[in-house]
Amino acid sequence: MAAAAAFSLLPSSLSRPPKRPPTSFFLSKSISFHNFSNPTRHFRYPIFSLLHHNKKHSQFSPSILPKLPVPSNPFASICESLLVFSTSVLLSFALFVTDVDPAVAFVVTTPRKLQTDELATVRLFQENTPSVVYITNLAVRQDAFTLDVLEVPQGSGSGFVWDKDGHIVTNYHVIRGASDLRVTLADQTTFDAKVVGFDQDKDVAVLSIDAPKDKLRPIPVGISADLLVGQKVFAIGNPFGLDHTLTTGVISGLRREISSAATGRPIQDVIQTDAAINPGNSGGPLLDSSGNLIGINTAIYSPSGASSGVGFSIPVDTVSGIVDQLVRFGKVTRPILGIKFAPDQSVEQLGVSGVLVLDAPANGPAGKAGLLPTKRDAYGRLILGDIITSVNGKKVTNGSDLYRILDQCKVGDKVTVEVLRGDHMEKIPVILEPKPDES
């Protein structure tokens, strides 16, 4: 009776008239809904899950399309209608109460995925960029028409923070000839810089700026004695004035030798890399994969002046000793023999091997020890001086060999110099002294 009463309250449109033929219509793709009154039957209802389209009904034809019969059970139809209505209400309520931007409510943004090596490179750049600075070399020029004295930039380069006391390390050729220097930090703050000291022979210079300690982030210093060919390196600098540029590469070679641009004295144990080094990169750091300093980018081998894949960096083991001396004493105390020698090509033309002494001042170490310089006799004939063939038993064939041996000595050391004098060999003891301007 209760069921009958319930059905009697329903509108007449929900009850199915008897003996009415089932109404059917066609859908190329329909939505399947389960018949709750009869689990064994499935009928088509255009609301719920998609039914897989029959591949053989690929062409549209009403005769082959599936029919959508109206359910024969009125109670099931009521339940379906109530379920659809309830679902719609719940979805509408959820969207109404949820605070979601309608423009992005259904937009799913896939996060950028980086490989492990990419993440390491990004992290290395972010952590070491605050240690790299931009150096501007200013020179005084006089205007040709107004005769006003102007200060104009004549060059730029890179450098890095050495310590919290404001010491900046760079190449000597970056600051050479400057009347004033300016250092720009990573946050674009600029400070006037003073020259603490420089070493022309090794192309290293130290500057000082008066900056707050919280703005200075010293670069982590590594070692270069255990480097291997093939390991990754990273160069950060300001090529062509483009500040804080990162280039990557590998160590292409070790123990190379280049000459100082200022004095021509050889720099030994130089690191060769294929990381792009261009004008403006000079003085910037060369880092290993851990972000530690292993060298100072100083030169490139290129006929055009741009990067050709052959760059050179002064090893950090050499730089550390020089910087310590410059910070403490403002100069580098390096021993000398106190001679001037002939170009290597001239000695080769004589058919001998060694270093020909052109001049040995009497107040210098070699002059005091008795080395003979080249001179002319009373008739204008050239009399060759002593030809140095070895120092401390190490063979000397050219000027680079002599410099290399002296770099391993200290001021005050007593060395044995073997020379070819005329047609016989002599061994002469010499006490090394510092340069006259460094004493």
Protein backbone atom coordinates (compact mmCIF):
# COMPACT_ATOMS: atom_id res chain seq x y z
CA MET A 1 0.00 0.00 0.00
CA ALA A 2 2.80 2.38 0.88
CA ALA A 3 4.46 1.72 -2.46
CA ALA A 4 1.18 2.26 -4.23
CA ALA A 5 0.62 5.49 -2.37
CA ALA A 6 4.09 6.65 -3.28
CA PHE A 7 3.49 6.02 -6.93
CA SER A 8 0.15 7.74 -6.80
CA LEU A 9 1.86 10.94 -5.73
CA LEU A 10 4.16 10.99 -8.73
CA PRO A 11 3.27 13.09 -11.75
CA SER A 12 1.57 11.31 -14.51
CA SER A 13 4.44 12.15 -16.87
CA LEU A 14 6.74 9.82 -14.90
CA SER A 15 4.52 6.78 -15.27
CA ARG A 16 4.62 4.85 -18.47
CA PRO A 17 1.27 4.52 -20.28
CA PRO A 18 0.38 0.94 -20.98
CA LYS A 19 0.68 -0.53 -24.47
CA ARG A 20 2.77 2.40 -25.71
CA PRO A 21 5.54 1.21 -28.01
CA PRO A 22 9.03 2.03 -26.76
CA THR A 23 10.39 5.24 -28.11
CA SER A 24 13.83 4.89 -29.60
CA PHE A 25 16.30 7.30 -31.18
CA PHE A 26 19.80 6.97 -32.48
CA LEU A 27 23.19 8.14 -31.15
CA SER A 28 26.49 7.59 -32.90
CA LYS A 29 28.15 7.49 -29.50
CA SER A 30 26.06 7.03 -26.38
CA ILE A 31 26.60 6.95 -22.65
CA SER A 32 26.07 3.75 -20.73
CA PHE A 33 24.12 3.66 -17.47
CA HIS A 34 23.51 0.56 -15.40
CA ASN A 35 19.92 -0.54 -14.87
CA PHE A 36 19.62 -0.74 -11.11
CA SER A 37 16.35 -2.66 -11.29
CA ASN A 38 17.88 -5.34 -13.49
CA PRO A 39 21.65 -5.82 -13.15
CA THR A 40 21.75 -8.06 -16.16
CA ARG A 41 20.52 -5.35 -18.49
CA HIS A 42 22.29 -2.23 -19.71
CA PHE A 43 20.46 0.53 -21.51
CA ARG A 44 21.60 3.72 -23.18
CA TYR A 45 21.27 6.92 -21.19
CA PRO A 46 23.01 10.13 -22.30
CA ILE A 47 24.53 11.19 -18.97
CA PHE A 48 27.21 8.90 -17.62
CA SER A 49 30.28 6.98 -18.81
CA LEU A 50 31.13 6.75 -22.50
CA LEU A 51 30.63 3.46 -24.22
CA HIS A 52 33.44 2.38 -26.53
CA HIS A 53 32.44 3.19 -30.08
CA ASN A 54 32.06 0.15 -32.29
CA LYS A 55 34.76 0.32 -34.92
CA LYS A 56 32.63 -1.37 -37.55
CA HIS A 57 30.04 1.44 -37.23
CA SER A 58 32.52 4.00 -38.48
CA GLN A 59 30.19 5.32 -41.14
CA PHE A 60 27.08 7.18 -40.13
CA SER A 61 23.98 5.19 -40.87
CA PRO A 62 20.76 5.33 -38.84
CA SER A 63 20.08 1.70 -39.60
CA ILE A 64 23.21 0.50 -37.86
CA LEU A 65 23.25 2.88 -34.91
CA PRO A 66 22.34 1.46 -31.49
CA LYS A 67 18.91 2.34 -30.15
CA LEU A 68 18.17 4.02 -26.83
CA PRO A 69 15.16 2.30 -25.28
CA VAL A 70 13.32 4.02 -22.44
CA PRO A 71 13.59 2.01 -19.22
CA SER A 72 10.54 -0.07 -18.48
CA ASN A 73 10.84 0.30 -14.69
CA PRO A 74 9.51 3.73 -13.51
CA PHE A 75 11.19 3.35 -10.10
CA ALA A 76 14.61 2.98 -11.73
CA SER A 77 13.96 6.08 -13.82
CA ILE A 78 13.13 8.05 -10.70
CA CYS A 79 16.30 6.90 -8.96
CA GLU A 80 18.36 7.85 -11.97
CA SER A 81 16.84 11.32 -12.11
CA LEU A 82 17.39 11.86 -8.40
CA LEU A 83 21.01 10.68 -8.66
CA VAL A 84 21.70 13.04 -11.56
CA PHE A 85 20.07 15.94 -9.72
CA SER A 86 21.98 15.25 -6.51
CA THR A 87 25.29 15.00 -8.35
CA SER A 88 24.68 18.29 -10.13
CA VAL A 89 23.79 20.03 -6.88
CA LEU A 90 26.88 18.72 -5.12
CA LEU A 91 29.19 19.77 -7.95
CA SER A 92 27.64 23.22 -8.11
CA PHE A 93 27.95 23.66 -4.33
CA ALA A 94 31.58 22.53 -4.37
CA LEU A 95 32.51 25.01 -7.09
CA PHE A 96 30.61 27.78 -5.29
CA VAL A 97 32.24 27.39 -1.88
CA THR A 98 35.76 26.66 -3.18
CA ASP A 99 37.93 29.76 -3.55
CA VAL A 100 39.53 29.03 -6.92
CA ASP A 101 40.48 31.45 -9.61
CA PRO A 102 38.08 30.65 -12.46
CA ALA A 103 40.80 31.31 -15.04
CA VAL A 104 43.01 28.57 -13.68
CA ALA A 105 40.50 26.37 -11.93
CA PHE A 106 41.02 23.48 -14.30
CA VAL A 107 44.53 24.32 -15.58
CA VAL A 108 47.23 21.88 -14.48
CA THR A 109 50.76 23.34 -14.76
CA THR A 110 53.49 20.78 -15.14
CA PRO A 111 56.57 21.82 -13.11
CA ARG A 112 59.82 22.27 -15.04
CA LYS A 113 61.92 19.16 -14.67
CA LEU A 114 65.71 19.48 -14.81
CA GLN A 115 68.24 16.72 -14.96
CA THR A 116 70.58 16.14 -12.04
CA ASP A 117 73.59 17.68 -13.80
CA GLU A 118 71.51 20.71 -14.80
CA LEU A 119 70.38 21.25 -11.23
CA ALA A 120 74.00 21.04 -10.05
CA THR A 121 75.08 23.64 -12.63
CA VAL A 122 72.24 26.01 -11.71
CA ARG A 123 73.06 25.67 -8.01
CA LEU A 124 76.77 26.28 -8.64
CA PHE A 125 76.03 29.47 -10.58
CA GLN A 126 73.59 30.80 -7.99
CA GLU A 127 75.96 30.12 -5.10
CA ASN A 128 79.10 31.59 -6.70
CA THR A 129 77.72 34.55 -8.65
CA PRO A 130 77.72 36.85 -5.56
CA SER A 131 81.49 36.32 -5.32
CA VAL A 132 82.21 37.54 -8.87
CA VAL A 133 82.68 41.28 -9.51
CA TYR A 134 82.86 43.55 -12.53
CA ILE A 135 85.94 45.79 -12.77
CA THR A 136 86.05 49.00 -14.82
CA ASN A 137 89.41 50.49 -15.78
CA LEU A 138 89.25 54.29 -15.99
CA ALA A 139 91.84 56.52 -17.62
CA VAL A 140 92.28 60.29 -17.63
CA ARG A 141 91.94 61.91 -21.03
CA GLN A 142 92.08 65.57 -22.05
CA ASP A 143 89.53 66.87 -24.50
CA ALA A 144 91.27 68.19 -27.62
CA PHE A 145 88.92 71.16 -28.02
CA THR A 146 87.91 72.23 -24.50
CA LEU A 147 91.10 70.94 -22.81
CA ASP A 148 88.90 69.56 -20.05
CA VAL A 149 90.27 66.54 -18.22
CA LEU A 150 87.87 63.63 -18.48
CA GLU A 151 87.85 60.19 -16.95
CA VAL A 152 86.75 57.61 -19.48
CA PRO A 153 86.59 53.79 -19.35
CA GLN A 154 89.46 52.21 -21.25
CA GLY A 155 88.73 48.59 -20.42
CA SER A 156 86.88 46.19 -18.20
CA GLY A 157 87.31 42.76 -16.75
CA SER A 158 86.30 40.39 -14.00
CA GLY A 159 87.46 39.56 -10.51
CA PHE A 160 86.30 37.82 -7.38
CA VAL A 161 86.06 38.46 -3.66
CA TRP A 162 88.98 36.93 -1.78
CA ASP A 163 88.03 37.68 1.84
CA LYS A 164 85.70 39.67 4.07
CA ASP A 165 88.26 42.49 4.33
CA GLY A 166 87.33 43.67 0.84
CA HIS A 167 90.25 42.23 -1.13
CA ILE A 168 89.46 41.60 -4.80
CA VAL A 169 91.69 39.38 -6.97
CA THR A 170 92.01 39.89 -10.71
CA ASN A 171 94.59 39.92 -13.54
CA TYR A 172 97.24 42.60 -13.68
CA HIS A 173 96.50 43.35 -17.34
CA VAL A 174 92.90 44.23 -16.35
CA ILE A 175 94.08 47.17 -14.22
CA ARG A 176 97.22 48.14 -16.13
CA GLY A 177 97.39 51.83 -16.98
CA ALA A 178 94.36 52.78 -14.89
CA SER A 179 94.05 56.13 -13.20
CA ASP A 180 91.01 54.94 -11.25
CA LEU A 181 89.25 51.62 -10.77
CA ARG A 182 85.65 50.80 -9.95
CA VAL A 183 84.31 47.49 -8.73
CA THR A 184 80.66 46.52 -9.21
CA LEU A 185 79.27 43.75 -7.02
CA ALA A 186 76.57 41.26 -7.95
CA ASP A 187 73.84 43.50 -6.49
CA GLN A 188 74.99 46.33 -8.84
CA THR A 189 76.48 48.45 -6.05
CA THR A 190 79.70 50.17 -7.16
CA PHE A 191 82.76 51.03 -5.07
CA ASP A 192 86.01 52.82 -5.80
CA ALA A 193 88.96 50.44 -5.61
CA LYS A 194 92.56 50.89 -4.55
CA VAL A 195 95.49 48.81 -5.75
CA VAL A 196 96.99 46.78 -2.91
CA GLY A 197 99.72 45.25 -5.06
CA PHE A 198 100.39 43.33 -8.25
CA ASP A 199 102.73 40.77 -9.73
CA GLN A 200 103.45 41.55 -13.37
CA ASP A 201 105.39 38.34 -13.92
CA LYS A 202 102.40 36.14 -13.02
CA ASP A 203 99.66 38.56 -14.15
CA VAL A 204 97.98 38.77 -10.73
CA ALA A 205 96.71 41.88 -8.93
CA VAL A 206 94.90 42.54 -5.66
CA LEU A 207 92.48 45.45 -5.13
CA SER A 208 90.73 46.70 -2.03
CA ILE A 209 87.23 48.15 -1.67
CA ASP A 210 85.50 49.64 1.36
CA ALA A 211 82.27 47.64 1.26
CA PRO A 212 80.05 46.34 4.09
CA LYS A 213 80.99 42.85 5.14
CA ASP A 214 77.46 41.59 4.54
CA LYS A 215 77.85 42.45 0.85
CA LEU A 216 81.07 40.48 0.48
CA ARG A 217 80.96 36.74 -0.12
CA PRO A 218 84.46 35.25 -0.47
CA ILE A 219 84.81 32.56 -3.08
CA PRO A 220 85.68 29.06 -1.78
CA VAL A 221 89.31 28.31 -2.61
CA GLY A 222 90.24 24.83 -3.81
CA ILE A 223 93.50 23.25 -4.95
CA SER A 224 94.93 22.70 -8.43
CA ALA A 225 97.59 20.08 -7.73
CA ASP A 226 95.22 17.12 -8.18
CA LEU A 227 93.35 18.26 -11.30
CA LEU A 228 92.75 15.78 -14.10
CA VAL A 229 92.28 16.22 -17.80
CA GLY A 230 88.62 15.71 -18.68
CA GLN A 231 87.00 16.94 -15.47
CA LYS A 232 84.29 19.59 -15.76
CA VAL A 233 85.06 23.24 -15.15
CA PHE A 234 82.92 26.38 -15.05
CA ALA A 235 83.95 29.95 -15.87
CA ILE A 236 82.02 32.96 -14.57
CA GLY A 237 82.84 36.43 -15.81
CA ASN A 238 81.77 39.48 -17.78
CA PRO A 239 82.59 38.84 -21.45
CA PHE A 240 82.15 41.93 -23.64
CA GLY A 241 80.61 43.71 -20.65
CA LEU A 242 77.80 41.16 -20.22
CA ASP A 243 77.89 40.74 -16.47
CA HIS A 244 77.81 37.36 -14.75
CA THR A 245 77.96 34.99 -17.68
CA LEU A 246 78.48 31.27 -17.14
CA THR A 247 80.33 29.04 -19.58
CA THR A 248 81.14 25.37 -19.12
CA GLY A 249 83.74 22.99 -20.44
CA VAL A 250 86.42 20.54 -19.41
CA ILE A 251 90.10 20.65 -18.61
CA SER A 252 91.80 20.12 -21.96
CA GLY A 253 95.37 20.09 -20.72
CA LEU A 254 97.59 20.63 -17.69
CA ARG A 255 101.04 22.05 -17.03
CA ARG A 256 100.93 24.40 -20.00
CA GLU A 257 103.20 27.42 -20.17
CA ILE A 258 102.31 30.92 -21.31
CA SER A 259 104.18 34.22 -21.15
CA SER A 260 103.17 37.20 -19.05
CA ALA A 261 101.75 39.97 -21.21
CA ALA A 262 103.60 42.58 -19.16
CA THR A 263 107.10 41.17 -18.77
CA GLY A 264 107.26 38.12 -21.03
CA ARG A 265 108.24 35.97 -18.07
CA PRO A 266 106.80 32.45 -18.37
CA ILE A 267 103.89 31.30 -16.20
CA GLN A 268 104.15 27.58 -15.54
CA ASP A 269 101.58 24.88 -14.75
CA VAL A 270 98.80 26.77 -16.51
CA ILE A 271 95.40 25.07 -16.91
CA GLN A 272 94.06 24.72 -20.46
CA THR A 273 90.28 24.58 -20.87
CA ASP A 274 87.73 24.64 -23.67
CA ALA A 275 85.24 26.68 -21.61
CA ALA A 276 84.52 29.84 -23.60
CA ILE A 277 86.77 32.67 -22.39
CA ASN A 278 86.39 36.00 -24.17
CA PRO A 279 87.61 39.57 -23.63
CA GLY A 280 86.09 40.63 -20.31
CA ASN A 281 86.44 37.16 -18.77
CA SER A 282 89.99 37.98 -17.69
CA GLY A 283 90.38 37.89 -13.94
CA GLY A 284 87.25 35.80 -13.41
CA PRO A 285 87.24 32.49 -11.54
CA LEU A 286 87.54 29.01 -13.01
CA LEU A 287 85.60 26.60 -10.78
CA ASP A 288 85.43 22.85 -10.43
CA SER A 289 82.15 20.93 -10.18
CA SER A 290 82.08 21.53 -6.41
CA GLY A 291 82.17 25.30 -6.90
CA ASN A 292 85.74 25.70 -5.62
CA LEU A 293 88.24 28.07 -7.20
CA ILE A 294 90.92 26.24 -9.20
CA GLY A 295 92.26 29.06 -11.39
CA ILE A 296 92.04 32.61 -12.74
CA ASN A 297 91.01 32.98 -16.38
CA THR A 298 93.80 34.98 -17.96
CA ALA A 299 94.34 34.36 -21.66
CA ILE A 300 93.05 32.72 -24.82
CA TYR A 301 94.74 31.41 -27.94
CA SER A 302 92.84 32.92 -30.83
CA PRO A 303 93.81 34.61 -34.10
CA SER A 304 90.52 36.57 -34.07
CA GLY A 305 90.54 37.62 -30.42
CA ALA A 306 87.36 35.68 -29.62
CA SER A 307 87.06 32.30 -27.97
CA SER A 308 88.43 29.47 -30.08
CA GLY A 309 88.13 26.74 -27.48
CA VAL A 310 91.66 27.18 -26.12
CA GLY A 311 91.69 29.19 -22.90
CA PHE A 312 94.25 29.39 -20.12
CA SER A 313 93.91 29.87 -16.38
CA ILE A 314 96.56 30.51 -13.76
CA PRO A 315 96.35 27.66 -11.19
CA VAL A 316 95.05 28.57 -7.77
CA ASP A 317 98.08 27.06 -6.03
CA THR A 318 100.23 29.71 -7.73
CA VAL A 319 97.69 32.47 -7.11
CA SER A 320 97.29 31.75 -3.38
CA GLY A 321 100.98 32.30 -2.61
CA ILE A 322 101.10 35.50 -4.63
CA VAL A 323 97.93 36.94 -3.08
CA ASP A 324 99.15 36.21 0.44
CA GLN A 325 102.36 38.15 -0.23
CA LEU A 326 100.52 41.04 -1.86
CA VAL A 327 98.05 41.34 1.01
CA ARG A 328 100.77 41.18 3.68
CA PHE A 329 103.58 43.18 2.04
CA GLY A 330 102.00 44.84 -1.00
CA LYS A 331 104.59 43.21 -3.25
CA VAL A 332 105.99 39.86 -4.31
CA THR A 333 109.57 39.12 -3.42
CA ARG A 334 110.99 37.09 -6.28
CA PRO A 335 114.70 36.25 -6.72
CA ILE A 336 116.72 37.39 -9.73
CA LEU A 337 120.19 36.81 -11.13
CA GLY A 338 120.51 40.43 -12.10
CA ILE A 339 121.36 39.98 -15.78
CA LYS A 340 120.04 40.95 -19.19
CA PHE A 341 120.22 38.18 -21.76
CA ALA A 342 119.99 37.95 -25.52
CA PRO A 343 116.90 36.70 -27.36
CA ASP A 344 116.81 32.94 -27.82
CA GLN A 345 116.93 33.27 -31.61
CA SER A 346 120.27 35.08 -31.44
CA VAL A 347 121.84 32.32 -29.38
CA GLU A 348 120.55 29.67 -31.77
CA GLN A 349 122.23 31.45 -34.66
CA LEU A 350 125.54 31.10 -32.82
CA GLY A 351 125.07 27.35 -32.78
CA VAL A 352 125.12 27.06 -28.98
CA SER A 353 122.52 26.18 -26.37
CA GLY A 354 122.00 28.33 -23.30
CA VAL A 355 121.42 31.93 -22.19
CA LEU A 356 123.88 34.56 -23.44
CA VAL A 357 124.60 37.25 -20.85
CA LEU A 358 124.38 40.70 -22.46
CA ASP A 359 124.74 42.76 -19.29
CA ALA A 360 125.58 42.02 -15.65
CA PRO A 361 125.58 45.24 -13.57
CA ALA A 362 128.35 45.33 -11.02
CA ASN A 363 125.89 45.96 -8.15
CA GLY A 364 123.72 42.96 -9.09
CA PRO A 365 124.02 39.34 -7.94
CA ALA A 366 125.63 38.12 -11.17
CA GLY A 367 128.02 41.09 -11.36
CA LYS A 368 129.13 40.56 -7.79
CA ALA A 369 129.73 36.87 -8.47
CA GLY A 370 131.91 37.64 -11.53
CA LEU A 371 129.76 36.72 -14.55
CA LEU A 372 131.04 38.40 -17.71
CA PRO A 373 128.75 40.43 -20.00
CA THR A 374 128.96 40.78 -23.79
CA LYS A 375 131.08 43.75 -24.90
CA ARG A 376 133.24 45.16 -27.67
CA ASP A 377 136.99 45.47 -27.63
CA ALA A 378 139.04 48.50 -28.59
CA TYR A 379 138.69 47.64 -32.29
CA GLY A 380 134.88 47.31 -32.13
CA ARG A 381 134.88 43.57 -32.31
CA LEU A 382 132.11 41.76 -30.40
CA ILE A 383 133.28 39.66 -27.50
CA LEU A 384 130.63 37.27 -26.29
CA GLY A 385 129.90 37.11 -22.60
CA ASP A 386 129.23 34.05 -20.50
CA ILE A 387 126.62 31.58 -21.76
CA ILE A 388 124.65 30.03 -18.89
CA THR A 389 124.15 26.31 -19.54
CA SER A 390 122.82 25.12 -16.17
CA VAL A 391 121.76 26.30 -12.68
CA ASN A 392 122.10 23.93 -9.73
CA GLY A 393 122.69 21.10 -12.18
CA LYS A 394 119.46 21.78 -14.12
CA LYS A 395 120.00 22.31 -17.83
CA VAL A 396 119.25 25.76 -19.26
CA THR A 397 118.57 25.95 -23.01
CA ASN A 398 116.63 29.24 -23.16
CA GLY A 399 115.29 32.08 -21.07
CA SER A 400 112.15 30.19 -20.07
CA ASP A 401 114.24 27.44 -18.51
CA LEU A 402 116.17 30.01 -16.48
CA TYR A 403 112.98 31.66 -15.20
CA ARG A 404 111.48 28.30 -14.35
CA ILE A 405 114.48 27.38 -12.19
CA LEU A 406 114.56 30.76 -10.45
CA ASP A 407 110.85 30.47 -9.59
CA GLN A 408 111.72 27.46 -7.46
CA CYS A 409 114.30 29.45 -5.48
CA LYS A 410 114.01 32.06 -2.75
CA VAL A 411 115.73 35.34 -2.08
CA GLY A 412 119.06 34.66 -0.38
CA ASP A 413 119.55 31.20 -1.85
CA LYS A 414 123.03 30.35 -3.11
CA VAL A 415 122.95 28.72 -6.52
CA THR A 416 125.69 27.28 -8.71
CA VAL A 417 125.68 28.73 -12.21
CA GLU A 418 127.59 26.82 -14.88
CA VAL A 419 128.68 28.96 -17.81
CA LEU A 420 130.50 28.54 -21.10
CA ARG A 421 133.30 31.12 -21.08
CA GLY A 422 135.25 31.13 -24.31
CA ASP A 423 136.10 27.49 -24.95
CA HIS A 424 135.85 26.12 -21.41
CA MET A 425 133.18 25.61 -18.72
CA GLU A 426 133.17 27.30 -15.31
CA LYS A 427 130.98 26.97 -12.22
CA ILE A 428 130.24 30.22 -10.40
CA PRO A 429 128.32 30.50 -7.08
CA VAL A 430 125.72 33.31 -7.04
CA ILE A 431 123.60 34.57 -4.11
CA LEU A 432 120.12 35.49 -5.36
CA GLU A 433 118.69 38.90 -4.50
CA PRO A 434 115.28 40.54 -4.91
CA LYS A 435 114.53 43.08 -7.60
CA PRO A 436 115.90 46.53 -6.79
CA ASP A 437 112.42 48.08 -6.66
CA GLU A 438 111.22 45.34 -4.27
CA SER A 439 114.06 45.57 -1.73
